[in-house]
Structures are given as C-alpha cells and as structure tokens.
C-alpha cells in the first residue's frame, strides 16, 4: 500500500472518529461562546476542539486524495507516451 493511501485512510478515520464524537458528546452545542442560549463552558470547548480536528483531518484527507490523483494522472500520461500513441505534446 502506498504512503498516500496510508495518509488518506489514517486521516479519514480520524475525521470519522472526531465527527462521531462531536455528534455523540455535544450534539446541540455550537462551537462558539456567543450563542442564543447559555451553554456550559466544557461543552463549548469540547465542540470547538472536535470541530477543529474535523476541519484539519478533512483538509489533509482532501489534499492527500488530490495529490494521489495528480500522481495517477502523471503515471497515466507517461504510459500513454511510451505506447506510441500521439499525445498532446507530440505535435
């Protein structure tokens, strides 16, 4: 398994765990201190940390998949160039 897939699956798993914990531990808490209704401080802080983890791991997962698609496209272009088929660069 390539390291790109390892990074993807690791951070996708961490994202799923943070997402599940947020929905389980603090389901109706907005991760900002100023809300319409008073919220316990521990709940706001927990929601903030879990949301930050979700955003970071989601971003890394997206970056990993984009980079792997770029590597896949480059390999595909190299294989097509070796097969003798005309490519865009061979004008």
PDB file of N, CA and C in Angstrom:
ATOM      1  N   UNK A   1       0.852  -1.175   0.000  1.00  0.00           N
ATOM      2  CA  UNK A   1       0.000   0.000   0.000  1.00  0.00           C
ATOM      3  C   UNK A   1       0.892   1.230   0.000  1.00  0.00           C
ATOM      4  N   UNK A   2       0.598   2.168  -0.872  1.00  0.00           N
ATOM      5  CA  UNK A   2       1.446   3.357  -0.956  1.00  0.00           C
ATOM      6  C   UNK A   2       1.214   4.276   0.242  1.00  0.00           C
ATOM      7  N   UNK A   3       2.195   5.119   0.496  1.00  0.00           N
ATOM      8  CA  UNK A   3       2.074   6.009   1.647  1.00  0.00           C
ATOM      9  C   UNK A   3       0.938   7.007   1.483  1.00  0.00           C
ATOM     10  N   UNK A   4       0.587   7.359   0.248  1.00  0.00           N
ATOM     11  CA  UNK A   4      -0.541   8.255   0.031  1.00  0.00           C
ATOM     12  C   UNK A   4      -1.846   7.672   0.543  1.00  0.00           C
ATOM     13  N   UNK A   5      -2.053   6.388   0.264  1.00  0.00           N
ATOM     14  CA  UNK A   5      -3.267   5.729   0.750  1.00  0.00           C
ATOM     15  C   UNK A   5      -3.264   5.600   2.272  1.00  0.00           C
ATOM     16  N   UNK A   6      -2.081   5.360   2.846  1.00  0.00           N
ATOM     17  CA  UNK A   6      -1.988   5.264   4.307  1.00  0.00           C
ATOM     18  C   UNK A   6      -2.386   6.588   4.956  1.00  0.00           C
ATOM     19  N   UNK A   7      -1.868   7.693   4.414  1.00  0.00           N
ATOM     20  CA  UNK A   7      -2.219   9.016   4.940  1.00  0.00           C
ATOM     21  C   UNK A   7      -3.716   9.255   4.773  1.00  0.00           C
ATOM     22  N   UNK A   8      -4.242   8.931   3.604  1.00  0.00           N
ATOM     23  CA  UNK A   8      -5.661   9.127   3.338  1.00  0.00           C
ATOM     24  C   UNK A   8      -6.524   8.372   4.341  1.00  0.00           C
ATOM     25  N   UNK A   9      -6.264   7.081   4.513  1.00  0.00           N
ATOM     26  CA  UNK A   9      -7.089   6.275   5.410  1.00  0.00           C
ATOM     27  C   UNK A   9      -6.907   6.669   6.876  1.00  0.00           C
ATOM     28  N   UNK A  10      -5.690   7.027   7.271  1.00  0.00           N
ATOM     29  CA  UNK A  10      -5.453   7.456   8.650  1.00  0.00           C
ATOM     30  C   UNK A  10      -6.273   8.697   8.977  1.00  0.00           C
ATOM     31  N   UNK A  11      -6.186   9.713   8.130  1.00  0.00           N
ATOM     32  CA  UNK A  11      -6.880  10.960   8.420  1.00  0.00           C
ATOM     33  C   UNK A  11      -8.380  10.845   8.170  1.00  0.00           C
ATOM     34  N   UNK A  12      -8.804  10.001   7.249  1.00  0.00           N
ATOM     35  CA  UNK A  12     -10.240   9.767   7.071  1.00  0.00           C
ATOM     36  C   UNK A  12     -10.819   9.086   8.313  1.00  0.00           C
ATOM     37  N   UNK A  13     -10.059   8.166   8.906  1.00  0.00           N
ATOM     38  CA  UNK A  13     -10.502   7.506  10.137  1.00  0.00           C
ATOM     39  C   UNK A  13     -10.561   8.495  11.293  1.00  0.00           C
ATOM     40  N   UNK A  14      -9.537   9.332  11.421  1.00  0.00           N
ATOM     41  CA  UNK A  14      -9.544  10.346  12.475  1.00  0.00           C
ATOM     42  C   UNK A  14     -10.704  11.317  12.297  1.00  0.00           C
ATOM     43  N   UNK A  15     -11.005  11.683  11.054  1.00  0.00           N
ATOM     44  CA  UNK A  15     -12.142  12.548  10.775  1.00  0.00           C
ATOM     45  C   UNK A  15     -13.443  11.889  11.229  1.00  0.00           C
ATOM     46  N   UNK A  16     -13.616  10.619  10.892  1.00  0.00           N
ATOM     47  CA  UNK A  16     -14.840   9.906  11.269  1.00  0.00           C
ATOM     48  C   UNK A  16     -14.979   9.808  12.787  1.00  0.00           C
ATOM     49  N   UNK A  17     -13.865   9.580  13.474  1.00  0.00           N
ATOM     50  CA  UNK A  17     -13.905   9.488  14.937  1.00  0.00           C
ATOM     51  C   UNK A  17     -14.288  10.843  15.545  1.00  0.00           C
ATOM     52  N   UNK A  18     -13.654  11.920  15.077  1.00  0.00           N
ATOM     53  CA  UNK A  18     -13.975  13.254  15.611  1.00  0.00           C
ATOM     54  C   UNK A  18     -15.420  13.631  15.292  1.00  0.00           C
ATOM     55  N   UNK A  19     -15.877  13.308  14.103  1.00  0.00           N
ATOM     56  CA  UNK A  19     -17.252  13.602  13.706  1.00  0.00           C
ATOM     57  C   UNK A  19     -18.239  12.847  14.593  1.00  0.00           C
ATOM     58  N   UNK A  20     -17.975  11.574  14.807  1.00  0.00           N
ATOM     59  CA  UNK A  20     -18.845  10.766  15.660  1.00  0.00           C
ATOM     60  C   UNK A  20     -18.841  11.222  17.103  1.00  0.00           C
ATOM     61  N   UNK A  21     -17.668  11.571  17.617  1.00  0.00           N
ATOM     62  CA  UNK A  21     -17.593  12.051  19.000  1.00  0.00           C
ATOM     63  C   UNK A  21     -18.339  13.374  19.170  1.00  0.00           C
ATOM     64  N   UNK A  22     -18.217  14.251  18.189  1.00  0.00           N
ATOM     65  CA  UNK A  22     -18.918  15.529  18.301  1.00  0.00           C
ATOM     66  C   UNK A  22     -20.428  15.321  18.311  1.00  0.00           C
ATOM     67  N   UNK A  23     -20.914  14.447  17.447  1.00  0.00           N
ATOM     68  CA  UNK A  23     -22.359  14.190  17.388  1.00  0.00           C
ATOM     69  C   UNK A  23     -22.846  13.436  18.632  1.00  0.00           C
ATOM     70  N   UNK A  24     -21.964  12.678  19.267  1.00  0.00           N
ATOM     71  CA  UNK A  24     -22.349  11.907  20.448  1.00  0.00           C
ATOM     72  C   UNK A  24     -22.230  12.724  21.736  1.00  0.00           C
ATOM     73  N   UNK A  25     -21.091  13.386  21.933  1.00  0.00           N
ATOM     74  CA  UNK A  25     -20.840  14.085  23.203  1.00  0.00           C
ATOM     75  C   UNK A  25     -21.542  15.435  23.302  1.00  0.00           C
ATOM     76  N   UNK A  26     -21.506  16.211  22.238  1.00  0.00           N
ATOM     77  CA  UNK A  26     -22.075  17.571  22.262  1.00  0.00           C
ATOM     78  C   UNK A  26     -22.944  17.792  21.021  1.00  0.00           C
ATOM     79  N   UNK A  27     -24.098  17.122  20.932  1.00  0.00           N
ATOM     80  CA  UNK A  27     -24.880  17.168  19.702  1.00  0.00           C
ATOM     81  C   UNK A  27     -25.516  18.527  19.393  1.00  0.00           C
ATOM     82  N   UNK A  28     -25.919  19.285  20.395  1.00  0.00           N
ATOM     83  CA  UNK A  28     -26.628  20.539  20.141  1.00  0.00           C
ATOM     84  C   UNK A  28     -25.839  21.763  20.595  1.00  0.00           C
ATOM     85  N   UNK A  29     -24.527  21.661  20.608  1.00  0.00           N
ATOM     86  CA  UNK A  29     -23.696  22.765  21.081  1.00  0.00           C
ATOM     87  C   UNK A  29     -22.985  23.390  19.891  1.00  0.00           C
ATOM     88  N   UNK A  30     -23.082  24.714  19.813  1.00  0.00           N
ATOM     89  CA  UNK A  30     -22.385  25.466  18.770  1.00  0.00           C
ATOM     90  C   UNK A  30     -20.982  25.759  19.279  1.00  0.00           C
ATOM     91  N   UNK A  31     -19.941  25.500  18.457  1.00  0.00           N
ATOM     92  CA  UNK A  31     -18.570  25.691  18.973  1.00  0.00           C
ATOM     93  C   UNK A  31     -18.122  27.148  19.040  1.00  0.00           C
ATOM     94  N   UNK A  32     -19.043  28.045  19.398  1.00  0.00           N
ATOM     95  CA  UNK A  32     -18.693  29.439  19.635  1.00  0.00           C
ATOM     96  C   UNK A  32     -19.260  29.800  21.005  1.00  0.00           C
ATOM     97  N   UNK A  33     -18.589  30.682  21.696  1.00  0.00           N
ATOM     98  CA  UNK A  33     -19.012  31.018  23.051  1.00  0.00           C
ATOM     99  C   UNK A  33     -20.284  31.863  23.078  1.00  0.00           C
ATOM    100  N   UNK A  34     -20.556  32.623  22.013  1.00  0.00           N
ATOM    101  CA  UNK A  34     -21.719  33.504  21.996  1.00  0.00           C
ATOM    102  C   UNK A  34     -22.853  32.831  21.237  1.00  0.00           C
ATOM    103  N   UNK A  35     -23.783  32.267  21.960  1.00  0.00           N
ATOM    104  CA  UNK A  35     -24.937  31.620  21.359  1.00  0.00           C
ATOM    105  C   UNK A  35     -26.198  32.248  21.943  1.00  0.00           C
ATOM    106  N   UNK A  36     -27.339  31.929  21.357  1.00  0.00           N
ATOM    107  CA  UNK A  36     -28.603  32.475  21.853  1.00  0.00           C
ATOM    108  C   UNK A  36     -28.912  31.982  23.259  1.00  0.00           C
ATOM    109  N   UNK A  37     -28.636  30.725  23.497  1.00  0.00           N
ATOM    110  CA  UNK A  37     -28.884  30.138  24.810  1.00  0.00           C
ATOM    111  C   UNK A  37     -27.551  29.916  25.520  1.00  0.00           C
ATOM    112  N   UNK A  38     -27.524  30.087  26.850  1.00  0.00           N
ATOM    113  CA  UNK A  38     -26.273  29.816  27.571  1.00  0.00           C
ATOM    114  C   UNK A  38     -25.894  28.342  27.457  1.00  0.00           C
ATOM    115  N   UNK A  39     -24.613  28.106  27.214  1.00  0.00           N
ATOM    116  CA  UNK A  39     -24.110  26.741  27.070  1.00  0.00           C
ATOM    117  C   UNK A  39     -22.980  26.527  28.070  1.00  0.00           C
ATOM    118  N   UNK A  40     -22.841  25.311  28.591  1.00  0.00           N
ATOM    119  CA  UNK A  40     -21.743  25.045  29.528  1.00  0.00           C
ATOM    120  C   UNK A  40     -20.379  25.235  28.851  1.00  0.00           C
ATOM    121  N   UNK A  41     -19.450  25.763  29.588  1.00  0.00           N
ATOM    122  CA  UNK A  41     -18.118  26.056  29.044  1.00  0.00           C
ATOM    123  C   UNK A  41     -17.426  24.792  28.533  1.00  0.00           C
ATOM    124  N   UNK A  42     -17.537  23.692  29.283  1.00  0.00           N
ATOM    125  CA  UNK A  42     -16.877  22.457  28.863  1.00  0.00           C
ATOM    126  C   UNK A  42     -17.437  21.966  27.536  1.00  0.00           C
ATOM    127  N   UNK A  43     -18.730  22.153  27.321  1.00  0.00           N
ATOM    128  CA  UNK A  43     -19.347  21.693  26.075  1.00  0.00           C
ATOM    129  C   UNK A  43     -18.882  22.530  24.889  1.00  0.00           C
ATOM    130  N   UNK A  44     -18.772  23.842  25.090  1.00  0.00           N
ATOM    131  CA  UNK A  44     -18.302  24.727  24.018  1.00  0.00           C
ATOM    132  C   UNK A  44     -16.854  24.404  23.664  1.00  0.00           C
ATOM    133  N   UNK A  45     -16.027  24.208  24.681  1.00  0.00           N
ATOM    134  CA  UNK A  45     -14.620  23.897  24.435  1.00  0.00           C
ATOM    135  C   UNK A  45     -14.457  22.539  23.758  1.00  0.00           C
ATOM    136  N   UNK A  46     -15.231  21.558  24.188  1.00  0.00           N
ATOM    137  CA  UNK A  46     -15.169  20.232  23.562  1.00  0.00           C
ATOM    138  C   UNK A  46     -15.625  20.303  22.114  1.00  0.00           C
ATOM    139  N   UNK A  47     -16.707  21.013  21.868  1.00  0.00           N
ATOM    140  CA  UNK A  47     -17.203  21.160  20.498  1.00  0.00           C
ATOM    141  C   UNK A  47     -16.179  21.884  19.625  1.00  0.00           C
ATOM    142  N   UNK A  48     -15.517  22.887  20.183  1.00  0.00           N
ATOM    143  CA  UNK A  48     -14.512  23.631  19.423  1.00  0.00           C
ATOM    144  C   UNK A  48     -13.335  22.736  19.031  1.00  0.00           C
ATOM    145  N   UNK A  49     -12.822  21.967  19.997  1.00  0.00           N
ATOM    146  CA  UNK A  49     -11.679  21.083  19.723  1.00  0.00           C
ATOM    147  C   UNK A  49     -12.057  20.013  18.696  1.00  0.00           C
ATOM    148  N   UNK A  50     -13.230  19.418  18.870  1.00  0.00           N
ATOM    149  CA  UNK A  50     -13.637  18.370  17.934  1.00  0.00           C
ATOM    150  C   UNK A  50     -13.881  18.938  16.535  1.00  0.00           C
ATOM    151  N   UNK A  51     -14.448  20.138  16.443  1.00  0.00           N
ATOM    152  CA  UNK A  51     -14.661  20.750  15.127  1.00  0.00           C
ATOM    153  C   UNK A  51     -13.330  21.097  14.468  1.00  0.00           C
ATOM    154  N   UNK A  52     -12.367  21.571  15.274  1.00  0.00           N
ATOM    155  CA  UNK A  52     -11.039  21.867  14.734  1.00  0.00           C
ATOM    156  C   UNK A  52     -10.379  20.593  14.204  1.00  0.00           C
ATOM    157  N   UNK A  53     -10.512  19.490  14.942  1.00  0.00           N
ATOM    158  CA  UNK A  53      -9.967  18.208  14.470  1.00  0.00           C
ATOM    159  C   UNK A  53     -10.645  17.770  13.176  1.00  0.00           C
ATOM    160  N   UNK A  54     -11.958  17.941  13.099  1.00  0.00           N
ATOM    161  CA  UNK A  54     -12.680  17.583  11.875  1.00  0.00           C
ATOM    162  C   UNK A  54     -12.167  18.381  10.682  1.00  0.00           C
ATOM    163  N   UNK A  55     -12.013  19.675  10.861  1.00  0.00           N
ATOM    164  CA  UNK A  55     -11.575  20.519   9.747  1.00  0.00           C
ATOM    165  C   UNK A  55     -10.145  20.200   9.318  1.00  0.00           C
ATOM    166  N   UNK A  56      -9.262  19.973  10.291  1.00  0.00           N
ATOM    167  CA  UNK A  56      -7.867  19.665   9.939  1.00  0.00           C
ATOM    168  C   UNK A  56      -7.746  18.318   9.241  1.00  0.00           C
ATOM    169  N   UNK A  57      -8.383  17.299   9.804  1.00  0.00           N
ATOM    170  CA  UNK A  57      -8.260  15.971   9.206  1.00  0.00           C
ATOM    171  C   UNK A  57      -8.978  15.896   7.868  1.00  0.00           C
ATOM    172  N   UNK A  58     -10.092  16.603   7.733  1.00  0.00           N
ATOM    173  CA  UNK A  58     -10.774  16.649   6.451  1.00  0.00           C
ATOM    174  C   UNK A  58      -9.925  17.319   5.381  1.00  0.00           C
ATOM    175  N   UNK A  59      -9.222  18.380   5.754  1.00  0.00           N
ATOM    176  CA  UNK A  59      -8.344  19.070   4.808  1.00  0.00           C
ATOM    177  C   UNK A  59      -7.184  18.189   4.373  1.00  0.00           C
ATOM    178  N   UNK A  60      -6.559  17.511   5.320  1.00  0.00           N
ATOM    179  CA  UNK A  60      -5.437  16.630   4.980  1.00  0.00           C
ATOM    180  C   UNK A  60      -5.915  15.480   4.090  1.00  0.00           C
ATOM    181  N   UNK A  61      -7.101  14.950   4.386  1.00  0.00           N
ATOM    182  CA  UNK A  61      -7.654  13.878   3.556  1.00  0.00           C
ATOM    183  C   UNK A  61      -7.879  14.357   2.133  1.00  0.00           C
ATOM    184  N   UNK A  62      -8.445  15.547   1.986  1.00  0.00           N
ATOM    185  CA  UNK A  62      -8.686  16.104   0.656  1.00  0.00           C
ATOM    186  C   UNK A  62      -7.380  16.362  -0.083  1.00  0.00           C
ATOM    187  N   UNK A  63      -6.395  16.918   0.602  1.00  0.00           N
ATOM    188  CA  UNK A  63      -5.088  17.174  -0.029  1.00  0.00           C
ATOM    189  C   UNK A  63      -4.447  15.866  -0.456  1.00  0.00           C
ATOM    190  N   UNK A  64      -4.527  14.837   0.376  1.00  0.00           N
ATOM    191  CA  UNK A  64      -3.927  13.541   0.032  1.00  0.00           C
ATOM    192  C   UNK A  64      -4.573  12.950  -1.209  1.00  0.00           C
ATOM    193  N   UNK A  65      -5.886  13.016  -1.313  1.00  0.00           N
ATOM    194  CA  UNK A  65      -6.553  12.426  -2.474  1.00  0.00           C
ATOM    195  C   UNK A  65      -6.248  13.223  -3.736  1.00  0.00           C
ATOM    196  N   UNK A  66      -6.152  14.543  -3.630  1.00  0.00           N
ATOM    197  CA  UNK A  66      -5.815  15.363  -4.798  1.00  0.00           C
ATOM    198  C   UNK A  66      -4.395  15.055  -5.270  1.00  0.00           C
ATOM    199  N   UNK A  67      -3.456  14.932  -4.336  1.00  0.00           N
ATOM    200  CA  UNK A  67      -2.082  14.608  -4.713  1.00  0.00           C
ATOM    201  C   UNK A  67      -1.981  13.218  -5.341  1.00  0.00           C
ATOM    202  N   UNK A  68      -2.722  12.257  -4.801  1.00  0.00           N
ATOM    203  CA  UNK A  68      -2.691  10.900  -5.381  1.00  0.00           C
ATOM    204  C   UNK A  68      -3.301  10.891  -6.776  1.00  0.00           C
ATOM    205  N   UNK A  69      -4.351  11.673  -7.003  1.00  0.00           N
ATOM    206  CA  UNK A  69      -4.923  11.769  -8.345  1.00  0.00           C
ATOM    207  C   UNK A  69      -3.931  12.412  -9.320  1.00  0.00           C
ATOM    208  N   UNK A  70      -3.174  13.397  -8.836  1.00  0.00           N
ATOM    209  CA  UNK A  70      -2.146  14.011  -9.681  1.00  0.00           C
ATOM    210  C   UNK A  70      -1.053  13.027 -10.056  1.00  0.00           C
ATOM    211  N   UNK A  71      -0.606  12.222  -9.104  1.00  0.00           N
ATOM    212  CA  UNK A  71       0.411  11.203  -9.384  1.00  0.00           C
ATOM    213  C   UNK A  71      -0.145  10.163 -10.349  1.00  0.00           C
ATOM    214  N   UNK A  72      -1.394   9.766 -10.151  1.00  0.00           N
ATOM    215  CA  UNK A  72      -2.022   8.786 -11.048  1.00  0.00           C
ATOM    216  C   UNK A  72      -2.115   9.344 -12.467  1.00  0.00           C
ATOM    217  N   UNK A  73      -2.495  10.615 -12.608  1.00  0.00           N
ATOM    218  CA  UNK A  73      -2.601  11.231 -13.929  1.00  0.00           C
ATOM    219  C   UNK A  73      -1.229  11.325 -14.595  1.00  0.00           C
ATOM    220  N   UNK A  74      -0.202  11.631 -13.824  1.00  0.00           N
ATOM    221  CA  UNK A  74       1.151  11.712 -14.377  1.00  0.00           C
ATOM    222  C   UNK A  74       1.633  10.345 -14.862  1.00  0.00           C
ATOM    223  N   UNK A  75       1.376   9.308 -14.068  1.00  0.00           N
ATOM    224  CA  UNK A  75       1.762   7.953 -14.489  1.00  0.00           C
ATOM    225  C   UNK A  75       1.004   7.533 -15.740  1.00  0.00           C
ATOM    226  N   UNK A  76      -0.275   7.865 -15.808  1.00  0.00           N
ATOM    227  CA  UNK A  76      -1.078   7.542 -16.987  1.00  0.00           C
ATOM    228  C   UNK A  76      -0.543   8.258 -18.218  1.00  0.00           C
ATOM    229  N   UNK A  77      -0.143   9.505 -18.072  1.00  0.00           N
ATOM    230  CA  UNK A  77       0.423  10.266 -19.184  1.00  0.00           C
ATOM    231  C   UNK A  77       1.743   9.657 -19.648  1.00  0.00           C
ATOM    232  N   UNK A  78       2.569   9.200 -18.702  1.00  0.00           N
ATOM    233  CA  UNK A  78       3.843   8.587 -19.061  1.00  0.00           C
ATOM    234  C   UNK A  78       3.628   7.270 -19.790  1.00  0.00           C
ATOM    235  N   UNK A  79       2.664   6.486 -19.351  1.00  0.00           N
ATOM    236  CA  UNK A  79       2.377   5.208 -20.001  1.00  0.00           C
ATOM    237  C   UNK A  79       1.859   5.441 -21.414  1.00  0.00           C
ATOM    238  N   UNK A  80       1.008   6.429 -21.616  1.00  0.00           N
ATOM    239  CA  UNK A  80       0.499   6.728 -22.942  1.00  0.00           C
ATOM    240  C   UNK A  80       1.607   7.227 -23.857  1.00  0.00           C
ATOM    241  N   UNK A  81       2.572   7.954 -23.300  1.00  0.00           N
ATOM    242  CA  UNK A  81       3.695   8.433 -24.103  1.00  0.00           C
ATOM    243  C   UNK A  81       4.593   7.303 -24.561  1.00  0.00           C
ATOM    244  N   UNK A  82       4.744   6.256 -23.773  1.00  0.00           N
ATOM    245  CA  UNK A  82       5.590   5.122 -24.121  1.00  0.00           C
ATOM    246  C   UNK A  82       4.911   4.177 -25.098  1.00  0.00           C
ATOM    247  N   UNK A  83       3.584   4.216 -25.173  1.00  0.00           N
ATOM    248  CA  UNK A  83       2.879   3.260 -26.023  1.00  0.00           C
ATOM    249  C   UNK A  83       2.883   3.659 -27.491  1.00  0.00           C
ATOM    250  N   UNK A  84       3.378   4.843 -27.800  1.00  0.00           N
ATOM    251  CA  UNK A  84       3.455   5.246 -29.197  1.00  0.00           C
ATOM    252  C   UNK A  84       2.223   6.004 -29.675  1.00  0.00           C
ATOM    253  N   UNK A  85       1.245   6.103 -28.842  1.00  0.00           N
ATOM    254  CA  UNK A  85       0.064   6.870 -29.225  1.00  0.00           C
ATOM    255  C   UNK A  85       0.398   8.353 -29.231  1.00  0.00           C
ATOM    256  N   UNK A  86      -0.225   9.100 -30.110  1.00  0.00           N
ATOM    257  CA  UNK A  86       0.036  10.550 -30.110  1.00  0.00           C
ATOM    258  C   UNK A  86      -0.497  11.187 -28.837  1.00  0.00           C
ATOM    259  N   UNK A  87       0.286  12.073 -28.294  1.00  0.00           N
ATOM    260  CA  UNK A  87      -0.141  12.809 -27.096  1.00  0.00           C
ATOM    261  C   UNK A  87      -0.240  14.280 -27.450  1.00  0.00           C
ATOM    262  N   UNK A  88      -0.642  15.058 -26.531  1.00  0.00           N
ATOM    263  CA  UNK A  88      -0.793  16.498 -26.770  1.00  0.00           C
ATOM    264  C   UNK A  88       0.563  17.141 -27.038  1.00  0.00           C
ATOM    265  N   UNK A  89       1.609  16.676 -26.387  1.00  0.00           N
ATOM    266  CA  UNK A  89       2.931  17.270 -26.512  1.00  0.00           C
ATOM    267  C   UNK A  89       3.672  16.861 -27.781  1.00  0.00           C
ATOM    268  N   UNK A  90       3.172  15.914 -28.557  1.00  0.00           N
ATOM    269  CA  UNK A  90       3.939  15.378 -29.687  1.00  0.00           C
ATOM    270  C   UNK A  90       3.601  16.052 -31.014  1.00  0.00           C
ATOM    271  N   UNK A  91       3.168  17.280 -31.025  1.00  0.00           N
ATOM    272  CA  UNK A  91       2.842  17.985 -32.272  1.00  0.00           C
ATOM    273  C   UNK A  91       4.067  18.198 -33.055  1.00  0.00           C
TER     274      UNK A  91
END
